[in-house]
Amino acid sequence: MSRVAVTRRWSDDEQRAEVRDVRRRQILREAGTLFSEVGFHNASMGQIAARLGLTKTALYYYFSDKGEILMCCFALGRQVADDALAKALALDASGLDRIAKFVQFYVVGITSELGACATTLELRSAPPAEMTALLSRMRKMDRQLRELVAAGVNDGSCAHVELSLAVNWIMGAMTLLPRWYRPGSRLSADAIAQEYSQYVRRMFTPESKR
């Protein structure tokens, strides 16, 4: 086989893989929105397919069942949070700046994935066999965020706060965002991200620095 033929074959394979990945992300966003609207147990593969203009057969090409879709939604939500945290931690900045940037990065991420990230509130619908691993990952993220806030307290950029309450406040506000935000809203995703990050600064800045 010629080098040209091999190169073309790999190029075609890569394009097909990219198209498949894009399509799967579209399905996750739409399915996540449906799960949020009617509940996971009330949603069906037929409803998901209809919202996407697909046949059920075509949908089953991408996912074996709605349980797999839900787990992939959870994974995508974790990826968004992990990416935002990694970017914030990579900054040469104060603890407060890192917290505010995490919030900004995370809001931009969840508004781009919307439906998929809204499934955070469907955790109770996860298969029992997956629950232990899901809760373990959530505890890890909670611990990492507590460490982020604690670093801000220790460097003096943040007021002394109860770490668990601070993290619950931050994540609680953002978890609900996909439930009401829609593209084309009066405020853009970037504007909301900036506003949320400013809320964090106002909440955690020590009184002596206000």
N, C-alpha and C. Protein backbone atom coordinates (compact mmCIF):
# COMPACT_ATOMS: atom_id res chain seq x y z
N MET A 1 0.85 -1.19 0.00
CA MET A 1 0.00 0.00 0.00
C MET A 1 0.89 1.25 0.00
N SER A 2 0.53 2.21 -0.82
CA SER A 2 1.35 3.41 -0.93
C SER A 2 1.21 4.28 0.31
N ARG A 3 2.24 5.13 0.51
CA ARG A 3 2.19 6.07 1.63
C ARG A 3 0.97 6.97 1.54
N VAL A 4 0.63 7.40 0.30
CA VAL A 4 -0.53 8.27 0.11
C VAL A 4 -1.80 7.58 0.55
N ALA A 5 -1.94 6.29 0.21
CA ALA A 5 -3.14 5.53 0.58
C ALA A 5 -3.24 5.37 2.08
N VAL A 6 -2.09 5.08 2.74
CA VAL A 6 -2.09 4.93 4.19
C VAL A 6 -2.46 6.24 4.87
N THR A 7 -1.88 7.34 4.39
CA THR A 7 -2.16 8.65 4.97
C THR A 7 -3.64 9.01 4.82
N ARG A 8 -4.20 8.71 3.65
CA ARG A 8 -5.61 9.02 3.41
C ARG A 8 -6.50 8.21 4.33
N ARG A 9 -6.15 6.91 4.51
CA ARG A 9 -6.97 6.06 5.37
C ARG A 9 -6.97 6.59 6.80
N TRP A 10 -5.78 6.95 7.33
CA TRP A 10 -5.71 7.48 8.68
C TRP A 10 -6.45 8.79 8.79
N SER A 11 -6.36 9.63 7.75
CA SER A 11 -7.07 10.90 7.77
C SER A 11 -8.57 10.68 7.81
N ASP A 12 -9.06 9.73 7.02
CA ASP A 12 -10.49 9.42 7.01
C ASP A 12 -10.94 8.90 8.36
N ASP A 13 -10.12 8.02 8.97
CA ASP A 13 -10.46 7.47 10.28
C ASP A 13 -10.54 8.57 11.33
N GLU A 14 -9.59 9.50 11.29
CA GLU A 14 -9.57 10.60 12.25
C GLU A 14 -10.78 11.50 12.07
N GLN A 15 -11.17 11.74 10.82
CA GLN A 15 -12.34 12.59 10.57
C GLN A 15 -13.60 11.92 11.09
N ARG A 16 -13.72 10.61 10.85
CA ARG A 16 -14.90 9.89 11.34
C ARG A 16 -14.95 9.91 12.86
N ALA A 17 -13.79 9.74 13.50
CA ALA A 17 -13.74 9.76 14.96
C ALA A 17 -14.13 11.14 15.48
N GLU A 18 -13.68 12.19 14.81
CA GLU A 18 -14.00 13.55 15.24
C GLU A 18 -15.49 13.83 15.10
N VAL A 19 -16.06 13.41 13.97
CA VAL A 19 -17.50 13.60 13.76
C VAL A 19 -18.30 12.83 14.81
N ARG A 20 -17.87 11.61 15.11
CA ARG A 20 -18.56 10.80 16.12
C ARG A 20 -18.50 11.48 17.49
N ASP A 21 -17.33 12.03 17.83
CA ASP A 21 -17.18 12.69 19.12
C ASP A 21 -18.08 13.92 19.21
N VAL A 22 -18.14 14.70 18.14
CA VAL A 22 -19.00 15.89 18.11
C VAL A 22 -20.45 15.48 18.27
N ARG A 23 -20.85 14.42 17.58
CA ARG A 23 -22.24 13.97 17.65
C ARG A 23 -22.57 13.47 19.05
N ARG A 24 -21.66 12.76 19.66
CA ARG A 24 -21.90 12.26 21.02
C ARG A 24 -22.06 13.43 22.00
N ARG A 25 -21.26 14.47 21.83
CA ARG A 25 -21.39 15.64 22.71
C ARG A 25 -22.74 16.30 22.52
N GLN A 26 -23.21 16.38 21.28
CA GLN A 26 -24.53 16.97 21.02
C GLN A 26 -25.62 16.15 21.71
N ILE A 27 -25.49 14.84 21.63
CA ILE A 27 -26.48 13.96 22.27
C ILE A 27 -26.46 14.15 23.78
N LEU A 28 -25.28 14.25 24.36
CA LEU A 28 -25.18 14.43 25.81
C LEU A 28 -25.82 15.73 26.26
N ARG A 29 -25.59 16.79 25.50
CA ARG A 29 -26.20 18.08 25.87
C ARG A 29 -27.72 18.01 25.82
N GLU A 30 -28.26 17.43 24.74
CA GLU A 30 -29.71 17.38 24.58
C GLU A 30 -30.34 16.41 25.57
N ALA A 31 -29.69 15.27 25.77
CA ALA A 31 -30.22 14.30 26.72
C ALA A 31 -30.17 14.85 28.14
N GLY A 32 -29.09 15.53 28.47
CA GLY A 32 -28.98 16.13 29.79
C GLY A 32 -30.07 17.13 30.05
N THR A 33 -30.39 17.93 29.03
CA THR A 33 -31.48 18.91 29.16
C THR A 33 -32.80 18.20 29.40
N LEU A 34 -33.05 17.12 28.66
CA LEU A 34 -34.29 16.36 28.84
C LEU A 34 -34.35 15.74 30.23
N PHE A 35 -33.24 15.17 30.70
CA PHE A 35 -33.23 14.59 32.04
C PHE A 35 -33.57 15.65 33.08
N SER A 36 -33.07 16.86 32.88
CA SER A 36 -33.34 17.95 33.83
C SER A 36 -34.80 18.38 33.78
N GLU A 37 -35.40 18.34 32.59
CA GLU A 37 -36.78 18.80 32.43
C GLU A 37 -37.80 17.81 32.98
N VAL A 38 -37.61 16.53 32.68
CA VAL A 38 -38.64 15.53 33.03
C VAL A 38 -38.16 14.49 34.02
N GLY A 39 -36.86 14.51 34.35
CA GLY A 39 -36.31 13.50 35.23
C GLY A 39 -35.77 12.32 34.44
N PHE A 40 -34.69 11.75 34.91
CA PHE A 40 -34.05 10.65 34.19
C PHE A 40 -35.00 9.49 33.94
N HIS A 41 -35.74 9.09 34.97
CA HIS A 41 -36.59 7.91 34.85
C HIS A 41 -37.78 8.14 33.93
N ASN A 42 -38.17 9.39 33.71
CA ASN A 42 -39.31 9.68 32.83
C ASN A 42 -38.87 9.91 31.38
N ALA A 43 -37.59 9.99 31.15
CA ALA A 43 -37.07 10.21 29.80
C ALA A 43 -36.85 8.86 29.11
N SER A 44 -36.95 8.87 27.80
CA SER A 44 -36.75 7.65 27.03
C SER A 44 -35.77 7.89 25.89
N MET A 45 -35.23 6.83 25.38
CA MET A 45 -34.33 6.94 24.23
C MET A 45 -35.08 7.52 23.03
N GLY A 46 -36.37 7.17 22.91
CA GLY A 46 -37.17 7.70 21.82
C GLY A 46 -37.31 9.21 21.90
N GLN A 47 -37.52 9.74 23.12
CA GLN A 47 -37.63 11.18 23.30
C GLN A 47 -36.31 11.88 22.97
N ILE A 48 -35.20 11.28 23.41
CA ILE A 48 -33.89 11.87 23.13
C ILE A 48 -33.66 11.91 21.62
N ALA A 49 -33.96 10.81 20.95
CA ALA A 49 -33.76 10.75 19.50
C ALA A 49 -34.61 11.79 18.79
N ALA A 50 -35.86 11.93 19.23
CA ALA A 50 -36.77 12.87 18.59
C ALA A 50 -36.27 14.31 18.72
N ARG A 51 -35.74 14.65 19.87
CA ARG A 51 -35.24 16.01 20.08
C ARG A 51 -34.05 16.32 19.19
N LEU A 52 -33.34 15.29 18.80
CA LEU A 52 -32.16 15.46 17.97
C LEU A 52 -32.44 15.24 16.48
N GLY A 53 -33.66 14.82 16.17
CA GLY A 53 -34.00 14.52 14.78
C GLY A 53 -33.35 13.25 14.29
N LEU A 54 -33.12 12.31 15.23
CA LEU A 54 -32.50 11.03 14.89
C LEU A 54 -33.53 9.91 15.02
N THR A 55 -33.25 8.79 14.38
CA THR A 55 -34.02 7.59 14.64
C THR A 55 -33.45 6.93 15.89
N LYS A 56 -34.24 6.09 16.55
CA LYS A 56 -33.71 5.39 17.72
C LYS A 56 -32.54 4.50 17.33
N THR A 57 -32.61 3.92 16.14
CA THR A 57 -31.51 3.07 15.67
C THR A 57 -30.22 3.87 15.58
N ALA A 58 -30.31 5.09 15.06
CA ALA A 58 -29.13 5.94 14.95
C ALA A 58 -28.60 6.31 16.33
N LEU A 59 -29.51 6.57 17.27
CA LEU A 59 -29.08 6.92 18.63
C LEU A 59 -28.35 5.76 19.28
N TYR A 60 -28.85 4.54 19.07
CA TYR A 60 -28.20 3.36 19.65
C TYR A 60 -26.83 3.10 19.04
N TYR A 61 -26.55 3.70 17.91
CA TYR A 61 -25.21 3.59 17.33
C TYR A 61 -24.18 4.31 18.21
N TYR A 62 -24.64 5.38 18.87
CA TYR A 62 -23.73 6.18 19.70
C TYR A 62 -23.73 5.74 21.16
N PHE A 63 -24.89 5.30 21.67
CA PHE A 63 -24.99 4.91 23.08
C PHE A 63 -25.87 3.67 23.20
N SER A 64 -25.49 2.81 24.13
CA SER A 64 -26.22 1.55 24.29
C SER A 64 -27.57 1.73 24.98
N ASP A 65 -27.65 2.69 25.91
CA ASP A 65 -28.91 2.96 26.61
C ASP A 65 -28.79 4.31 27.32
N LYS A 66 -29.88 4.73 27.96
CA LYS A 66 -29.85 6.06 28.60
C LYS A 66 -28.99 6.05 29.86
N GLY A 67 -28.77 4.88 30.45
CA GLY A 67 -27.88 4.80 31.58
C GLY A 67 -26.45 5.17 31.20
N GLU A 68 -26.02 4.69 30.03
CA GLU A 68 -24.69 5.06 29.54
C GLU A 68 -24.62 6.55 29.26
N ILE A 69 -25.71 7.11 28.71
CA ILE A 69 -25.74 8.54 28.45
C ILE A 69 -25.59 9.33 29.74
N LEU A 70 -26.30 8.91 30.78
CA LEU A 70 -26.23 9.62 32.07
C LEU A 70 -24.81 9.58 32.62
N MET A 71 -24.18 8.42 32.58
CA MET A 71 -22.82 8.31 33.10
C MET A 71 -21.84 9.15 32.30
N CYS A 72 -22.05 9.24 30.99
CA CYS A 72 -21.19 10.09 30.17
C CYS A 72 -21.43 11.57 30.47
N CYS A 73 -22.66 11.92 30.81
CA CYS A 73 -22.96 13.29 31.22
C CYS A 73 -22.20 13.62 32.51
N PHE A 74 -22.22 12.70 33.46
CA PHE A 74 -21.48 12.91 34.70
C PHE A 74 -19.99 13.09 34.39
N ALA A 75 -19.47 12.25 33.51
CA ALA A 75 -18.04 12.31 33.17
C ALA A 75 -17.69 13.65 32.52
N LEU A 76 -18.58 14.13 31.66
CA LEU A 76 -18.34 15.41 31.00
C LEU A 76 -18.37 16.56 32.01
N GLY A 77 -19.30 16.49 32.95
CA GLY A 77 -19.36 17.51 34.00
C GLY A 77 -18.10 17.52 34.85
N ARG A 78 -17.59 16.32 35.16
CA ARG A 78 -16.34 16.24 35.94
C ARG A 78 -15.18 16.81 35.14
N GLN A 79 -15.16 16.53 33.85
CA GLN A 79 -14.08 17.04 33.01
C GLN A 79 -14.07 18.56 33.00
N VAL A 80 -15.25 19.17 32.91
CA VAL A 80 -15.35 20.63 32.92
C VAL A 80 -14.79 21.18 34.23
N ALA A 81 -15.18 20.57 35.36
CA ALA A 81 -14.70 21.03 36.66
C ALA A 81 -13.19 20.81 36.81
N ASP A 82 -12.72 19.64 36.39
CA ASP A 82 -11.29 19.34 36.50
C ASP A 82 -10.46 20.30 35.66
N ASP A 83 -10.92 20.59 34.44
CA ASP A 83 -10.19 21.50 33.56
C ASP A 83 -10.13 22.91 34.16
N ALA A 84 -11.27 23.35 34.70
CA ALA A 84 -11.31 24.69 35.31
C ALA A 84 -10.37 24.78 36.50
N LEU A 85 -10.35 23.74 37.31
CA LEU A 85 -9.49 23.74 38.49
C LEU A 85 -8.01 23.71 38.08
N ALA A 86 -7.68 22.90 37.10
CA ALA A 86 -6.29 22.81 36.64
C ALA A 86 -5.80 24.15 36.10
N LYS A 87 -6.64 24.83 35.35
CA LYS A 87 -6.26 26.14 34.80
C LYS A 87 -6.08 27.16 35.92
N ALA A 88 -6.95 27.11 36.92
CA ALA A 88 -6.84 28.06 38.04
C ALA A 88 -5.58 27.80 38.86
N LEU A 89 -5.29 26.54 39.12
CA LEU A 89 -4.11 26.20 39.92
C LEU A 89 -2.81 26.52 39.19
N ALA A 90 -2.85 26.56 37.87
CA ALA A 90 -1.65 26.84 37.09
C ALA A 90 -1.28 28.32 37.11
N LEU A 91 -2.18 29.16 37.60
CA LEU A 91 -1.92 30.60 37.61
C LEU A 91 -0.95 30.98 38.72
N ASP A 92 -0.09 31.92 38.43
CA ASP A 92 0.78 32.50 39.45
C ASP A 92 0.02 33.66 40.08
N ALA A 93 -0.83 33.33 41.05
CA ALA A 93 -1.75 34.33 41.60
C ALA A 93 -2.06 34.00 43.04
N SER A 94 -2.75 34.93 43.70
CA SER A 94 -3.16 34.72 45.09
C SER A 94 -4.26 33.66 45.15
N GLY A 95 -4.52 33.19 46.36
CA GLY A 95 -5.58 32.21 46.54
C GLY A 95 -6.93 32.73 46.07
N LEU A 96 -7.25 33.98 46.42
CA LEU A 96 -8.52 34.55 46.01
C LEU A 96 -8.62 34.66 44.49
N ASP A 97 -7.54 35.09 43.85
CA ASP A 97 -7.55 35.19 42.40
C ASP A 97 -7.79 33.83 41.76
N ARG A 98 -7.18 32.81 42.32
CA ARG A 98 -7.36 31.46 41.78
C ARG A 98 -8.80 30.98 41.96
N ILE A 99 -9.38 31.27 43.11
CA ILE A 99 -10.78 30.88 43.33
C ILE A 99 -11.69 31.58 42.32
N ALA A 100 -11.50 32.89 42.17
CA ALA A 100 -12.33 33.65 41.24
C ALA A 100 -12.15 33.15 39.81
N LYS A 101 -10.93 32.82 39.44
CA LYS A 101 -10.68 32.32 38.09
C LYS A 101 -11.26 30.93 37.89
N PHE A 102 -11.20 30.10 38.93
CA PHE A 102 -11.84 28.78 38.83
C PHE A 102 -13.32 28.95 38.52
N VAL A 103 -13.97 29.83 39.26
CA VAL A 103 -15.39 30.07 39.04
C VAL A 103 -15.63 30.56 37.61
N GLN A 104 -14.82 31.49 37.16
CA GLN A 104 -14.98 32.03 35.81
C GLN A 104 -14.81 30.93 34.76
N PHE A 105 -13.74 30.13 34.89
CA PHE A 105 -13.50 29.05 33.93
C PHE A 105 -14.61 28.02 33.97
N TYR A 106 -15.08 27.71 35.17
CA TYR A 106 -16.11 26.67 35.31
C TYR A 106 -17.44 27.13 34.72
N VAL A 107 -17.81 28.38 34.97
CA VAL A 107 -19.06 28.88 34.42
C VAL A 107 -19.02 28.85 32.88
N VAL A 108 -17.92 29.28 32.30
CA VAL A 108 -17.79 29.23 30.84
C VAL A 108 -17.93 27.78 30.35
N GLY A 109 -17.31 26.86 31.09
CA GLY A 109 -17.38 25.46 30.69
C GLY A 109 -18.77 24.87 30.78
N ILE A 110 -19.48 25.13 31.87
CA ILE A 110 -20.79 24.51 32.01
C ILE A 110 -21.84 25.15 31.11
N THR A 111 -21.66 26.43 30.79
CA THR A 111 -22.62 27.05 29.86
C THR A 111 -22.41 26.55 28.44
N SER A 112 -21.21 26.07 28.13
CA SER A 112 -20.97 25.51 26.79
C SER A 112 -21.50 24.10 26.68
N GLU A 113 -21.60 23.39 27.81
CA GLU A 113 -22.10 22.02 27.81
C GLU A 113 -23.53 21.92 28.31
N LEU A 114 -24.01 22.95 28.95
CA LEU A 114 -25.37 23.08 29.46
C LEU A 114 -26.03 21.79 29.93
N GLY A 115 -26.83 21.16 29.06
CA GLY A 115 -27.62 20.01 29.48
C GLY A 115 -26.83 18.95 30.19
N ALA A 116 -25.68 18.60 29.62
CA ALA A 116 -24.87 17.54 30.23
C ALA A 116 -24.49 17.89 31.66
N CYS A 117 -24.12 19.14 31.89
CA CYS A 117 -23.72 19.54 33.23
C CYS A 117 -24.90 19.69 34.17
N ALA A 118 -26.09 19.89 33.64
CA ALA A 118 -27.27 20.03 34.49
C ALA A 118 -27.63 18.71 35.16
N THR A 119 -27.07 17.60 34.67
CA THR A 119 -27.42 16.30 35.25
C THR A 119 -26.79 16.07 36.60
N THR A 120 -25.99 17.00 37.09
CA THR A 120 -25.42 16.87 38.43
C THR A 120 -26.51 16.59 39.45
N LEU A 121 -27.67 17.20 39.26
CA LEU A 121 -28.77 17.02 40.20
C LEU A 121 -29.49 15.70 40.00
N GLU A 122 -29.07 14.89 39.00
CA GLU A 122 -29.66 13.58 38.76
C GLU A 122 -28.78 12.47 39.34
N LEU A 123 -27.91 12.82 40.26
CA LEU A 123 -26.98 11.84 40.82
C LEU A 123 -27.71 10.64 41.39
N ARG A 124 -28.85 10.86 41.99
CA ARG A 124 -29.59 9.76 42.61
C ARG A 124 -30.06 8.73 41.59
N SER A 125 -30.03 9.11 40.30
CA SER A 125 -30.47 8.19 39.25
C SER A 125 -29.35 7.31 38.71
N ALA A 126 -28.14 7.52 39.19
CA ALA A 126 -27.01 6.73 38.71
C ALA A 126 -27.18 5.27 39.14
N PRO A 127 -26.69 4.34 38.33
CA PRO A 127 -26.76 2.92 38.71
C PRO A 127 -26.07 2.70 40.05
N PRO A 128 -26.64 1.90 40.94
CA PRO A 128 -26.04 1.66 42.26
C PRO A 128 -24.58 1.22 42.18
N ALA A 129 -24.24 0.45 41.15
CA ALA A 129 -22.87 -0.04 41.01
C ALA A 129 -21.88 1.09 40.74
N GLU A 130 -22.38 2.21 40.23
CA GLU A 130 -21.51 3.34 39.90
C GLU A 130 -21.45 4.39 41.01
N MET A 131 -22.35 4.27 41.99
CA MET A 131 -22.50 5.32 42.97
C MET A 131 -21.24 5.54 43.82
N THR A 132 -20.60 4.46 44.21
CA THR A 132 -19.40 4.59 45.05
C THR A 132 -18.32 5.40 44.34
N ALA A 133 -18.07 5.09 43.06
CA ALA A 133 -17.05 5.81 42.31
C ALA A 133 -17.45 7.27 42.10
N LEU A 134 -18.73 7.53 41.84
CA LEU A 134 -19.19 8.90 41.65
C LEU A 134 -19.00 9.73 42.92
N LEU A 135 -19.40 9.16 44.04
CA LEU A 135 -19.27 9.88 45.31
C LEU A 135 -17.81 10.11 45.67
N SER A 136 -16.96 9.15 45.32
CA SER A 136 -15.53 9.30 45.59
C SER A 136 -14.95 10.47 44.79
N ARG A 137 -15.36 10.60 43.52
CA ARG A 137 -14.87 11.71 42.70
C ARG A 137 -15.39 13.04 43.21
N MET A 138 -16.64 13.06 43.68
CA MET A 138 -17.20 14.29 44.23
C MET A 138 -16.47 14.71 45.49
N ARG A 139 -16.14 13.74 46.33
CA ARG A 139 -15.39 14.06 47.55
C ARG A 139 -14.00 14.58 47.22
N LYS A 140 -13.40 14.03 46.18
CA LYS A 140 -12.08 14.51 45.76
C LYS A 140 -12.15 15.96 45.32
N MET A 141 -13.15 16.30 44.50
CA MET A 141 -13.31 17.68 44.04
C MET A 141 -13.57 18.60 45.23
N ASP A 142 -14.41 18.16 46.16
CA ASP A 142 -14.70 18.96 47.35
C ASP A 142 -13.41 19.21 48.13
N ARG A 143 -12.59 18.20 48.28
CA ARG A 143 -11.33 18.34 49.02
C ARG A 143 -10.39 19.32 48.31
N GLN A 144 -10.31 19.21 46.98
CA GLN A 144 -9.44 20.10 46.21
C GLN A 144 -9.89 21.55 46.33
N LEU A 145 -11.20 21.77 46.31
CA LEU A 145 -11.70 23.13 46.42
C LEU A 145 -11.50 23.69 47.83
N ARG A 146 -11.63 22.84 48.83
CA ARG A 146 -11.35 23.30 50.19
C ARG A 146 -9.89 23.72 50.31
N GLU A 147 -9.01 22.95 49.69
CA GLU A 147 -7.58 23.31 49.71
C GLU A 147 -7.35 24.62 48.99
N LEU A 148 -8.10 24.86 47.92
CA LEU A 148 -7.97 26.11 47.17
C LEU A 148 -8.38 27.30 48.05
N VAL A 149 -9.51 27.16 48.74
CA VAL A 149 -9.98 28.23 49.63
C VAL A 149 -9.03 28.39 50.81
N ALA A 150 -8.56 27.28 51.36
CA ALA A 150 -7.65 27.34 52.49
C ALA A 150 -6.37 28.08 52.13
N ALA A 151 -5.90 27.89 50.89
CA ALA A 151 -4.69 28.58 50.44
C ALA A 151 -4.91 30.09 50.43
N GLY A 152 -6.12 30.50 50.05
CA GLY A 152 -6.45 31.92 50.04
C GLY A 152 -6.51 32.49 51.45
N VAL A 153 -7.05 31.70 52.38
CA VAL A 153 -7.09 32.14 53.79
C VAL A 153 -5.67 32.26 54.33
N ASN A 154 -4.84 31.28 54.00
CA ASN A 154 -3.47 31.27 54.54
C ASN A 154 -2.61 32.39 53.98
N ASP A 155 -2.84 32.79 52.71
CA ASP A 155 -2.01 33.87 52.16
C ASP A 155 -2.60 35.27 52.43
N GLY A 156 -3.75 35.29 53.13
CA GLY A 156 -4.34 36.56 53.52
C GLY A 156 -5.22 37.21 52.47
N SER A 157 -5.36 36.58 51.30
CA SER A 157 -6.20 37.18 50.26
C SER A 157 -7.68 36.91 50.50
N CYS A 158 -7.98 35.89 51.31
CA CYS A 158 -9.37 35.54 51.63
C CYS A 158 -9.65 35.75 53.12
N ALA A 159 -10.87 36.09 53.40
CA ALA A 159 -11.30 36.18 54.80
C ALA A 159 -11.32 34.78 55.40
N HIS A 160 -11.30 34.71 56.73
CA HIS A 160 -11.41 33.42 57.40
C HIS A 160 -12.85 32.93 57.27
N VAL A 161 -13.02 31.82 56.60
CA VAL A 161 -14.36 31.28 56.35
C VAL A 161 -14.38 29.81 56.72
N GLU A 162 -15.58 29.29 56.92
CA GLU A 162 -15.77 27.85 57.11
C GLU A 162 -15.61 27.20 55.74
N LEU A 163 -14.58 26.38 55.57
CA LEU A 163 -14.24 25.86 54.25
C LEU A 163 -15.37 25.08 53.59
N SER A 164 -16.02 24.23 54.35
CA SER A 164 -17.09 23.41 53.76
C SER A 164 -18.25 24.27 53.27
N LEU A 165 -18.61 25.28 54.06
CA LEU A 165 -19.70 26.17 53.65
C LEU A 165 -19.30 27.00 52.43
N ALA A 166 -18.06 27.45 52.40
CA ALA A 166 -17.59 28.25 51.27
C ALA A 166 -17.66 27.45 49.98
N VAL A 167 -17.21 26.21 50.03
CA VAL A 167 -17.22 25.36 48.83
C VAL A 167 -18.66 25.04 48.42
N ASN A 168 -19.52 24.74 49.40
CA ASN A 168 -20.93 24.46 49.08
C ASN A 168 -21.59 25.67 48.43
N TRP A 169 -21.26 26.86 48.92
CA TRP A 169 -21.83 28.08 48.34
C TRP A 169 -21.38 28.26 46.90
N ILE A 170 -20.08 28.08 46.66
CA ILE A 170 -19.54 28.25 45.31
C ILE A 170 -20.17 27.25 44.34
N MET A 171 -20.13 25.98 44.70
CA MET A 171 -20.60 24.96 43.77
C MET A 171 -22.12 24.95 43.66
N GLY A 172 -22.80 25.28 44.74
CA GLY A 172 -24.26 25.31 44.68
C GLY A 172 -24.77 26.33 43.69
N ALA A 173 -24.17 27.52 43.70
CA ALA A 173 -24.60 28.57 42.78
C ALA A 173 -24.37 28.17 41.33
N MET A 174 -23.25 27.52 41.07
CA MET A 174 -22.92 27.18 39.68
C MET A 174 -23.64 25.93 39.19
N THR A 175 -23.91 25.00 40.09
CA THR A 175 -24.60 23.78 39.69
C THR A 175 -25.98 24.07 39.13
N LEU A 176 -26.64 25.10 39.68
CA LEU A 176 -27.99 25.43 39.24
C LEU A 176 -28.01 26.24 37.94
N LEU A 177 -26.88 26.78 37.57
CA LEU A 177 -26.84 27.67 36.41
C LEU A 177 -27.38 27.03 35.12
N PRO A 178 -27.00 25.78 34.80
CA PRO A 178 -27.52 25.18 33.56
C PRO A 178 -29.02 24.99 33.54
N ARG A 179 -29.66 25.05 34.73
CA ARG A 179 -31.11 24.88 34.77
C ARG A 179 -31.86 26.09 34.20
N TRP A 180 -31.23 27.27 34.26
CA TRP A 180 -31.97 28.45 33.80
C TRP A 180 -31.29 29.18 32.65
N TYR A 181 -29.97 29.02 32.49
CA TYR A 181 -29.28 29.74 31.42
C TYR A 181 -29.57 29.11 30.06
N ARG A 182 -29.81 29.96 29.08
CA ARG A 182 -29.99 29.50 27.71
C ARG A 182 -29.20 30.41 26.78
N PRO A 183 -28.56 29.86 25.74
CA PRO A 183 -27.85 30.70 24.77
C PRO A 183 -28.77 31.76 24.20
N GLY A 184 -28.25 32.94 24.01
CA GLY A 184 -29.06 34.03 23.49
C GLY A 184 -29.76 34.82 24.58
N SER A 185 -29.49 34.47 25.84
CA SER A 185 -30.07 35.22 26.95
C SER A 185 -29.51 36.64 26.97
N ARG A 186 -30.13 37.49 27.78
CA ARG A 186 -29.72 38.89 27.83
C ARG A 186 -28.25 39.02 28.20
N LEU A 187 -27.79 38.19 29.11
CA LEU A 187 -26.38 38.19 29.49
C LEU A 187 -25.68 37.03 28.79
N SER A 188 -24.51 37.29 28.24
CA SER A 188 -23.74 36.23 27.59
C SER A 188 -23.10 35.33 28.64
N ALA A 189 -22.63 34.18 28.20
CA ALA A 189 -21.95 33.26 29.11
C ALA A 189 -20.73 33.92 29.72
N ASP A 190 -19.97 34.65 28.92
CA ASP A 190 -18.78 35.33 29.43
C ASP A 190 -19.14 36.39 30.47
N ALA A 191 -20.24 37.10 30.22
CA ALA A 191 -20.66 38.14 31.16
C ALA A 191 -21.09 37.51 32.50
N ILE A 192 -21.79 36.40 32.42
CA ILE A 192 -22.21 35.71 33.64
C ILE A 192 -21.00 35.18 34.40
N ALA A 193 -20.03 34.64 33.66
CA ALA A 193 -18.82 34.12 34.28
C ALA A 193 -18.07 35.23 35.02
N GLN A 194 -17.98 36.39 34.39
CA GLN A 194 -17.32 37.53 35.02
C GLN A 194 -18.07 37.97 36.27
N GLU A 195 -19.39 38.00 36.18
CA GLU A 195 -20.22 38.43 37.31
C GLU A 195 -20.08 37.46 38.49
N TYR A 196 -20.12 36.18 38.19
CA TYR A 196 -19.98 35.18 39.25
C TYR A 196 -18.62 35.29 39.93
N SER A 197 -17.58 35.51 39.13
CA SER A 197 -16.25 35.64 39.72
C SER A 197 -16.17 36.87 40.62
N GLN A 198 -16.88 37.94 40.26
CA GLN A 198 -16.90 39.13 41.10
C GLN A 198 -17.67 38.88 42.40
N TYR A 199 -18.74 38.07 42.32
CA TYR A 199 -19.46 37.71 43.54
C TYR A 199 -18.51 37.02 44.52
N VAL A 200 -17.68 36.12 43.99
CA VAL A 200 -16.73 35.40 44.83
C VAL A 200 -15.76 36.38 45.49
N ARG A 201 -15.26 37.32 44.72
CA ARG A 201 -14.32 38.29 45.28
C ARG A 201 -14.98 39.10 46.40
N ARG A 202 -16.21 39.53 46.17
CA ARG A 202 -16.89 40.32 47.20
C ARG A 202 -17.19 39.48 48.43
N MET A 203 -17.48 38.21 48.22
CA MET A 203 -17.81 37.34 49.34
C MET A 203 -16.59 37.01 50.20
N PHE A 204 -15.44 36.80 49.57
CA PHE A 204 -14.28 36.28 50.30
C PHE A 204 -13.20 37.30 50.60
N THR A 205 -13.26 38.50 50.04
CA THR A 205 -12.25 39.50 50.35
C THR A 205 -12.36 39.92 51.83
N PRO A 206 -11.24 39.93 52.53
CA PRO A 206 -11.28 40.34 53.95
C PRO A 206 -11.81 41.76 54.11
N GLU A 207 -12.48 42.01 55.22
CA GLU A 207 -13.05 43.35 55.48
C GLU A 207 -11.97 44.43 55.40
N SER A 208 -10.78 44.11 55.87
CA SER A 208 -9.70 45.10 55.91
C SER A 208 -9.24 45.51 54.52
N LYS A 209 -9.60 44.74 53.50
CA LYS A 209 -9.13 45.03 52.14
C LYS A 209 -10.25 45.53 51.23
N ARG A 210 -11.43 45.74 51.80
CA ARG A 210 -12.55 46.18 50.98
C ARG A 210 -12.56 47.70 50.87
